[in-house]
Amino acid sequence: MATRAAYWLGAVTLATMAAAIYMVFVFVPTEAEQGIVQRIFYFHVPCAWVAFAAFAVVAISAVFYLWLGHPVWDDLGYAAAEVGMLFCTLVLITGSIWA
């Protein structure tokens, strides 16, 4: 059951991300000074927020793991660290593209 829910959640996430990227390139007007390169911020800034949020989850889950000792907190922190590293990488890549 969990794999079916994860599959559909992934599909919905992919569809909404594709719709958001489509709207950035179709509906958003081009900025006067930076031109089309400015549109990378519509992807760059949310990636940075998700990276910060993921590392906040790592910190919180680490505190709860040390306090309670339940392995679910360790698993949550591990998964959040992987997500944080992925989005930090995306932030670095999109920042380099913008520069």
C-alpha atoms as a PDB file:
ATOM      1  CA  MET A   1       0.000   0.000   0.000  1.00  0.00           C
ATOM      2  CA  ALA A   2       2.796   2.405   0.815  1.00  0.00           C
ATOM      3  CA  THR A   3       4.455   1.848  -2.546  1.00  0.00           C
ATOM      4  CA  ARG A   4       1.193   2.596  -4.382  1.00  0.00           C
ATOM      5  CA  ALA A   5       0.773   5.842  -2.438  1.00  0.00           C
ATOM      6  CA  ALA A   6       4.413   6.766  -3.036  1.00  0.00           C
ATOM      7  CA  TYR A   7       4.001   6.079  -6.755  1.00  0.00           C
ATOM      8  CA  TRP A   8       0.957   8.331  -7.056  1.00  0.00           C
ATOM      9  CA  LEU A   9       2.484  11.030  -4.886  1.00  0.00           C
ATOM     10  CA  GLY A  10       5.574  11.010  -7.093  1.00  0.00           C
ATOM     11  CA  ALA A  11       3.450  11.212 -10.222  1.00  0.00           C
ATOM     12  CA  VAL A  12       1.443  14.150  -8.855  1.00  0.00           C
ATOM     13  CA  THR A  13       4.660  15.895  -7.811  1.00  0.00           C
ATOM     14  CA  LEU A  14       6.178  15.422 -11.258  1.00  0.00           C
ATOM     15  CA  ALA A  15       3.033  16.729 -12.951  1.00  0.00           C
ATOM     16  CA  THR A  16       2.823  19.839 -10.777  1.00  0.00           C
ATOM     17  CA  MET A  17       6.528  20.582 -11.215  1.00  0.00           C
ATOM     18  CA  ALA A  18       6.159  20.279 -14.989  1.00  0.00           C
ATOM     19  CA  ALA A  19       3.139  22.608 -14.890  1.00  0.00           C
ATOM     20  CA  ALA A  20       5.057  25.131 -12.774  1.00  0.00           C
ATOM     21  CA  ILE A  21       8.045  25.123 -15.126  1.00  0.00           C
ATOM     22  CA  TYR A  22       5.690  25.490 -18.102  1.00  0.00           C
ATOM     23  CA  MET A  23       4.030  28.505 -16.459  1.00  0.00           C
ATOM     24  CA  VAL A  24       7.417  30.106 -15.740  1.00  0.00           C
ATOM     25  CA  PHE A  25       8.361  29.998 -19.405  1.00  0.00           C
ATOM     26  CA  VAL A  26       4.938  30.856 -20.850  1.00  0.00           C
ATOM     27  CA  PHE A  27       3.167  33.256 -18.469  1.00  0.00           C
ATOM     28  CA  VAL A  28       5.954  35.162 -16.683  1.00  0.00           C
ATOM     29  CA  PRO A  29       7.133  38.312 -18.470  1.00  0.00           C
ATOM     30  CA  THR A  30      10.829  38.662 -19.247  1.00  0.00           C
ATOM     31  CA  GLU A  31      12.719  40.910 -16.827  1.00  0.00           C
ATOM     32  CA  ALA A  32      14.127  44.097 -18.390  1.00  0.00           C
ATOM     33  CA  GLU A  33      17.774  43.978 -17.217  1.00  0.00           C
ATOM     34  CA  GLN A  34      18.590  40.282 -16.797  1.00  0.00           C
ATOM     35  CA  GLY A  35      16.391  38.910 -19.540  1.00  0.00           C
ATOM     36  CA  ILE A  36      15.440  35.258 -19.648  1.00  0.00           C
ATOM     37  CA  VAL A  37      18.193  34.245 -17.194  1.00  0.00           C
ATOM     38  CA  GLN A  38      16.141  35.759 -14.366  1.00  0.00           C
ATOM     39  CA  ARG A  39      13.607  32.940 -14.730  1.00  0.00           C
ATOM     40  CA  ILE A  40      16.046  30.523 -13.086  1.00  0.00           C
ATOM     41  CA  PHE A  41      15.130  32.152  -9.758  1.00  0.00           C
ATOM     42  CA  TYR A  42      11.693  30.552  -9.952  1.00  0.00           C
ATOM     43  CA  PHE A  43      13.490  27.220  -9.516  1.00  0.00           C
ATOM     44  CA  HIS A  44      16.597  28.316  -7.591  1.00  0.00           C
ATOM     45  CA  VAL A  45      14.929  29.988  -4.590  1.00  0.00           C
ATOM     46  CA  PRO A  46      12.423  27.191  -3.828  1.00  0.00           C
ATOM     47  CA  CYS A  47      15.268  24.669  -4.005  1.00  0.00           C
ATOM     48  CA  ALA A  48      17.146  26.699  -1.416  1.00  0.00           C
ATOM     49  CA  TRP A  49      14.115  26.810   0.890  1.00  0.00           C
ATOM     50  CA  VAL A  50      13.602  23.053   0.616  1.00  0.00           C
ATOM     51  CA  ALA A  51      17.295  22.458   1.350  1.00  0.00           C
ATOM     52  CA  PHE A  52      17.120  24.606   4.488  1.00  0.00           C
ATOM     53  CA  ALA A  53      13.898  22.898   5.584  1.00  0.00           C
ATOM     54  CA  ALA A  54      15.426  19.457   5.040  1.00  0.00           C
ATOM     55  CA  PHE A  55      18.405  20.275   7.234  1.00  0.00           C
ATOM     56  CA  ALA A  56      16.048  21.676   9.874  1.00  0.00           C
ATOM     57  CA  VAL A  57      14.294  18.287   9.837  1.00  0.00           C
ATOM     58  CA  VAL A  58      17.712  16.642  10.245  1.00  0.00           C
ATOM     59  CA  ALA A  59      18.444  18.773  13.308  1.00  0.00           C
ATOM     60  CA  ILE A  60      15.043  18.148  14.878  1.00  0.00           C
ATOM     61  CA  SER A  61      15.139  14.420  14.224  1.00  0.00           C
ATOM     62  CA  ALA A  62      18.657  14.231  15.669  1.00  0.00           C
ATOM     63  CA  VAL A  63      17.474  15.850  18.891  1.00  0.00           C
ATOM     64  CA  PHE A  64      14.534  13.455  19.144  1.00  0.00           C
ATOM     65  CA  TYR A  65      16.744  10.464  18.360  1.00  0.00           C
ATOM     66  CA  LEU A  66      19.184  11.428  21.095  1.00  0.00           C
ATOM     67  CA  TRP A  67      16.343  12.104  23.510  1.00  0.00           C
ATOM     68  CA  LEU A  68      14.082   9.123  22.789  1.00  0.00           C
ATOM     69  CA  GLY A  69      16.444   6.673  21.108  1.00  0.00           C
ATOM     70  CA  HIS A  70      13.783   5.395  18.695  1.00  0.00           C
ATOM     71  CA  PRO A  71      15.245   4.385  15.300  1.00  0.00           C
ATOM     72  CA  VAL A  72      12.438   6.041  13.344  1.00  0.00           C
ATOM     73  CA  TRP A  73      13.987   9.436  14.161  1.00  0.00           C
ATOM     74  CA  ASP A  74      17.335   8.251  12.852  1.00  0.00           C
ATOM     75  CA  ASP A  75      15.714   7.044   9.631  1.00  0.00           C
ATOM     76  CA  LEU A  76      13.887  10.353   9.227  1.00  0.00           C
ATOM     77  CA  GLY A  77      17.106  12.306   9.734  1.00  0.00           C
ATOM     78  CA  TYR A  78      18.953  10.125   7.247  1.00  0.00           C
ATOM     79  CA  ALA A  79      16.265  10.577   4.595  1.00  0.00           C
ATOM     80  CA  ALA A  80      16.061  14.330   5.208  1.00  0.00           C
ATOM     81  CA  ALA A  81      19.851  14.615   4.894  1.00  0.00           C
ATOM     82  CA  GLU A  82      19.711  12.947   1.484  1.00  0.00           C
ATOM     83  CA  VAL A  83      16.952  15.297   0.343  1.00  0.00           C
ATOM     84  CA  GLY A  84      18.894  18.272   1.709  1.00  0.00           C
ATOM     85  CA  MET A  85      22.043  17.281  -0.157  1.00  0.00           C
ATOM     86  CA  LEU A  86      20.085  16.839  -3.392  1.00  0.00           C
ATOM     87  CA  PHE A  87      18.501  20.268  -3.126  1.00  0.00           C
ATOM     88  CA  CYS A  88      21.792  21.895  -2.067  1.00  0.00           C
ATOM     89  CA  THR A  89      23.320  20.468  -5.226  1.00  0.00           C
ATOM     90  CA  LEU A  90      20.444  21.873  -7.269  1.00  0.00           C
ATOM     91  CA  VAL A  91      20.916  25.275  -5.614  1.00  0.00           C
ATOM     92  CA  LEU A  92      24.602  25.280  -6.522  1.00  0.00           C
ATOM     93  CA  ILE A  93      23.892  24.229 -10.106  1.00  0.00           C
ATOM     94  CA  THR A  94      21.107  26.753 -10.688  1.00  0.00           C
ATOM     95  CA  GLY A  95      23.151  29.494  -9.009  1.00  0.00           C
ATOM     96  CA  SER A  96      26.030  28.764 -11.345  1.00  0.00           C
ATOM     97  CA  ILE A  97      23.692  28.873 -14.331  1.00  0.00           C
ATOM     98  CA  TRP A  98      22.389  32.246 -13.216  1.00  0.00           C
ATOM     99  CA  ALA A  99      25.884  33.660 -12.653  1.00  0.00           C
END
